[in-house]
Amino acid sequence: MSSDEELQRLRERRMAEMQSQQGQQEQAARAQAEAVDAQKEALIRKILTPEARQRLHNVKMVRPEFATQLEMQLIQIAQSGRVQLPIDDELLKKLLAQIQSQQAKRDITIRRI
């Protein structure tokens, strides 16, 4: 057996080990993300009425990034105790309008050079 063949086998074994470790890390990250999502969903179920959850779901279908931001704000509002729980559809509409007006304040200007 030549040293080149032995070196090649060592490289292949090390590559297989690295791929296995990477797969395990990705699997752990996916599991952690799923756990966070499940916890967030449980909180949203406690915070919102069924009608408000349906509205949030509709917003998520149209603007997922906006819905994610809204979910985080709802959780923060509920945890701080600033609103009475559960949040109904009317209050959610008001919160949506406030957030949308805040985002509308961002003026975009285009300058031609």
Protein backbone atom coordinates (compact mmCIF):
# COMPACT_ATOMS: atom_id res chain seq x y z
CA MET A 1 0.00 0.00 0.00
CA SER A 2 1.49 3.31 -1.00
CA SER A 3 1.38 6.40 1.12
CA ASP A 4 -0.72 8.19 -1.55
CA GLU A 5 -3.48 5.58 -1.26
CA GLU A 6 -3.38 5.78 2.53
CA LEU A 7 -3.50 9.57 2.42
CA GLN A 8 -6.48 9.45 0.06
CA ARG A 9 -8.34 7.05 2.38
CA LEU A 10 -7.68 9.36 5.34
CA ARG A 11 -9.00 12.32 3.36
CA GLU A 12 -12.14 10.43 2.36
CA ARG A 13 -12.76 9.31 5.95
CA ARG A 14 -12.28 12.86 7.26
CA MET A 15 -14.61 14.25 4.57
CA ALA A 16 -17.28 11.71 5.56
CA GLU A 17 -16.90 12.69 9.23
CA MET A 18 -17.22 16.39 8.40
CA GLN A 19 -20.33 15.79 6.28
CA SER A 20 -21.87 13.76 9.09
CA GLN A 21 -21.19 16.52 11.62
CA GLN A 22 -22.62 19.14 9.29
CA GLY A 23 -25.77 17.05 8.81
CA GLN A 24 -26.20 16.70 12.56
CA GLN A 25 -25.74 20.44 13.07
CA GLU A 26 -28.31 21.25 10.39
CA GLN A 27 -30.75 18.78 11.93
CA ALA A 28 -30.27 20.33 15.38
CA ALA A 29 -30.79 23.83 13.97
CA ARG A 30 -33.99 22.72 12.22
CA ALA A 31 -35.28 21.11 15.42
CA GLN A 32 -34.53 24.25 17.39
CA ALA A 33 -36.27 26.45 14.80
CA GLU A 34 -39.32 24.17 14.87
CA ALA A 35 -39.43 24.36 18.67
CA VAL A 36 -39.29 28.17 18.56
CA ASP A 37 -42.06 28.24 15.94
CA ALA A 38 -44.22 25.90 18.03
CA GLN A 39 -43.71 28.06 21.11
CA LYS A 40 -44.56 31.21 19.13
CA GLU A 41 -47.73 29.56 17.76
CA ALA A 42 -48.79 28.56 21.28
CA LEU A 43 -48.35 32.14 22.48
CA ILE A 44 -50.29 33.52 19.51
CA ARG A 45 -53.14 31.09 20.28
CA LYS A 46 -53.31 32.45 23.82
CA ILE A 47 -53.02 36.08 22.75
CA LEU A 48 -55.50 36.23 19.85
CA THR A 49 -59.13 35.32 19.43
CA PRO A 50 -59.95 32.89 16.58
CA GLU A 51 -61.10 35.75 14.32
CA ALA A 52 -57.90 37.70 14.97
CA ARG A 53 -55.82 34.57 14.31
CA GLN A 54 -57.59 34.17 10.97
CA ARG A 55 -56.80 37.78 10.07
CA LEU A 56 -53.15 37.24 11.04
CA HIS A 57 -53.09 34.11 8.88
CA ASN A 58 -54.48 36.11 5.95
CA VAL A 59 -51.81 38.78 6.43
CA LYS A 60 -49.16 36.05 6.60
CA MET A 61 -50.27 34.69 3.23
CA VAL A 62 -49.96 38.10 1.57
CA ARG A 63 -47.00 39.63 3.41
CA PRO A 64 -45.07 36.99 5.40
CA GLU A 65 -42.31 39.35 6.60
CA PHE A 66 -44.88 41.86 7.85
CA ALA A 67 -46.81 39.09 9.63
CA THR A 68 -43.65 37.87 11.36
CA GLN A 69 -42.96 41.41 12.57
CA LEU A 70 -46.56 41.71 13.75
CA GLU A 71 -46.36 38.40 15.64
CA MET A 72 -43.26 39.54 17.49
CA GLN A 73 -44.90 42.85 18.40
CA LEU A 74 -48.05 41.07 19.58
CA ILE A 75 -46.00 38.81 21.83
CA GLN A 76 -44.10 41.79 23.25
CA ILE A 77 -47.31 43.75 23.85
CA ALA A 78 -48.94 40.79 25.58
CA GLN A 79 -45.92 40.03 27.75
CA SER A 80 -45.62 43.66 28.84
CA GLY A 81 -49.32 43.75 29.76
CA ARG A 82 -50.12 46.83 27.67
CA VAL A 83 -53.37 45.36 26.33
CA GLN A 84 -56.13 43.21 27.70
CA LEU A 85 -55.97 39.62 26.51
CA PRO A 86 -57.19 38.06 24.31
CA ILE A 87 -56.76 40.53 21.48
CA ASP A 88 -59.86 40.58 19.32
CA ASP A 89 -60.15 41.28 15.61
CA GLU A 90 -60.98 44.99 16.05
CA LEU A 91 -57.91 45.65 18.20
CA LEU A 92 -55.76 43.70 15.76
CA LYS A 93 -57.07 45.91 12.93
CA LYS A 94 -56.04 49.00 14.93
CA LEU A 95 -52.58 47.55 15.58
CA LEU A 96 -52.21 46.70 11.89
CA ALA A 97 -53.16 50.26 10.94
CA GLN A 98 -50.63 51.69 13.41
CA ILE A 99 -47.81 49.48 12.16
CA GLN A 100 -48.70 50.19 8.55
CA SER A 101 -48.75 53.95 9.17
CA GLN A 102 -45.31 53.68 10.81
CA GLN A 103 -43.98 51.88 7.78
CA ALA A 104 -45.62 54.38 5.41
CA LYS A 105 -43.65 57.20 7.06
CA ARG A 106 -40.49 55.89 5.49
CA ASP A 107 -40.04 58.14 2.52
CA ILE A 108 -38.08 56.84 -0.38
CA THR A 109 -36.44 59.42 -2.55
CA ILE A 110 -34.66 58.73 -5.78
CA ARG A 111 -32.07 61.16 -6.98
CA ARG A 112 -30.78 61.09 -10.47
CA ILE A 113 -27.15 61.86 -10.93
